[in-house]
Amino acid sequence: MHIEYDPEADAAYLYLTDNELAPGRRIVELETPPGISGPVIMDWKDGKITGVEVVGASDLLHADLLAQAARPGGS
């Protein structure tokens, strides 16, 4: 598993597999608790959860998780 975070977009992606995934994933937007804004989206492939995208990540994820995330472009 690895995490990428784009602070400019305030979006994080949690990769739940290191396997290369062929096209054809399904996305499912998750319901968030009342008062929480920003979509959380799960990617599915072959009946397995392959990743989670969080928009508004700085509000929804812990700062220590975002601090260890890779940045776009490998920085």
Protein backbone atom coordinates (compact mmCIF):
# COMPACT_ATOMS: atom_id res chain seq x y z
CA MET A 1 0.00 0.00 0.00
CA HIS A 2 1.16 3.54 -0.68
CA ILE A 3 -0.34 7.00 -0.52
CA GLU A 4 -0.08 9.98 -2.85
CA TYR A 5 -1.20 13.46 -1.83
CA ASP A 6 -1.54 16.51 -4.05
CA PRO A 7 -1.69 19.53 -1.71
CA GLU A 8 -2.66 21.87 -4.56
CA ALA A 9 -5.79 19.80 -5.27
CA ASP A 10 -6.08 18.72 -1.60
CA ALA A 11 -6.68 15.18 -2.83
CA ALA A 12 -5.14 11.93 -1.62
CA TYR A 13 -5.14 8.51 -3.21
CA LEU A 14 -4.55 5.39 -1.13
CA TYR A 15 -3.32 2.53 -3.32
CA LEU A 16 -4.36 -0.72 -1.67
CA THR A 17 -2.37 -2.91 -4.05
CA ASP A 18 1.03 -2.62 -5.70
CA ASN A 19 -0.15 -4.74 -8.64
CA GLU A 20 -0.46 -3.03 -12.02
CA LEU A 21 -4.16 -2.68 -12.76
CA ALA A 22 -5.59 -3.00 -16.24
CA PRO A 23 -8.31 -0.54 -17.29
CA GLY A 24 -11.86 -1.36 -16.26
CA ARG A 25 -12.08 -0.31 -12.64
CA ARG A 26 -15.44 0.70 -11.22
CA ILE A 27 -15.76 3.69 -8.92
CA VAL A 28 -18.23 3.97 -6.08
CA GLU A 29 -18.77 7.21 -4.17
CA LEU A 30 -19.10 6.50 -0.46
CA GLU A 31 -21.66 8.15 1.75
CA THR A 32 -20.03 10.42 4.33
CA PRO A 33 -21.45 11.36 7.72
CA PRO A 34 -23.71 14.42 7.93
CA GLY A 35 -21.72 17.66 7.97
CA ILE A 36 -18.68 16.14 6.23
CA SER A 37 -17.90 17.58 2.82
CA GLY A 38 -15.64 16.17 0.14
CA PRO A 39 -16.21 12.96 -1.77
CA VAL A 40 -14.59 9.68 -0.83
CA ILE A 41 -14.42 7.30 -3.77
CA MET A 42 -13.50 3.61 -3.85
CA ASP A 43 -12.06 1.91 -6.92
CA TRP A 44 -13.02 -1.72 -7.55
CA LYS A 45 -11.43 -4.22 -9.93
CA ASP A 46 -12.36 -7.90 -10.23
CA GLY A 47 -14.46 -7.75 -7.05
CA LYS A 48 -11.64 -6.29 -4.93
CA ILE A 49 -11.12 -2.79 -3.51
CA THR A 50 -8.00 -1.43 -5.22
CA GLY A 51 -7.86 2.15 -3.95
CA VAL A 52 -9.54 5.04 -2.20
CA GLU A 53 -9.55 8.67 -3.33
CA VAL A 54 -10.25 11.40 -0.77
CA VAL A 55 -11.02 14.95 -1.93
CA GLY A 56 -10.63 17.52 0.83
CA ALA A 57 -7.95 15.27 2.30
CA SER A 58 -6.51 17.85 4.69
CA ASP A 59 -9.88 17.97 6.48
CA LEU A 60 -10.63 14.24 6.34
CA LEU A 61 -7.27 12.50 6.89
CA HIS A 62 -4.81 12.75 9.77
CA ALA A 63 -1.85 15.09 9.18
CA ASP A 64 0.68 12.31 9.95
CA LEU A 65 -0.75 10.22 7.10
CA LEU A 66 -0.50 13.11 4.65
CA ALA A 67 3.04 13.92 5.82
CA GLN A 68 4.28 10.47 4.77
CA ALA A 69 2.48 10.52 1.41
CA ALA A 70 4.34 10.86 -1.89
CA ARG A 71 3.75 14.06 -3.84
CA PRO A 72 2.94 14.27 -7.56
CA GLY A 73 6.09 14.10 -9.65
CA GLY A 74 7.89 12.08 -6.97
CA SER A 75 8.75 14.94 -4.65
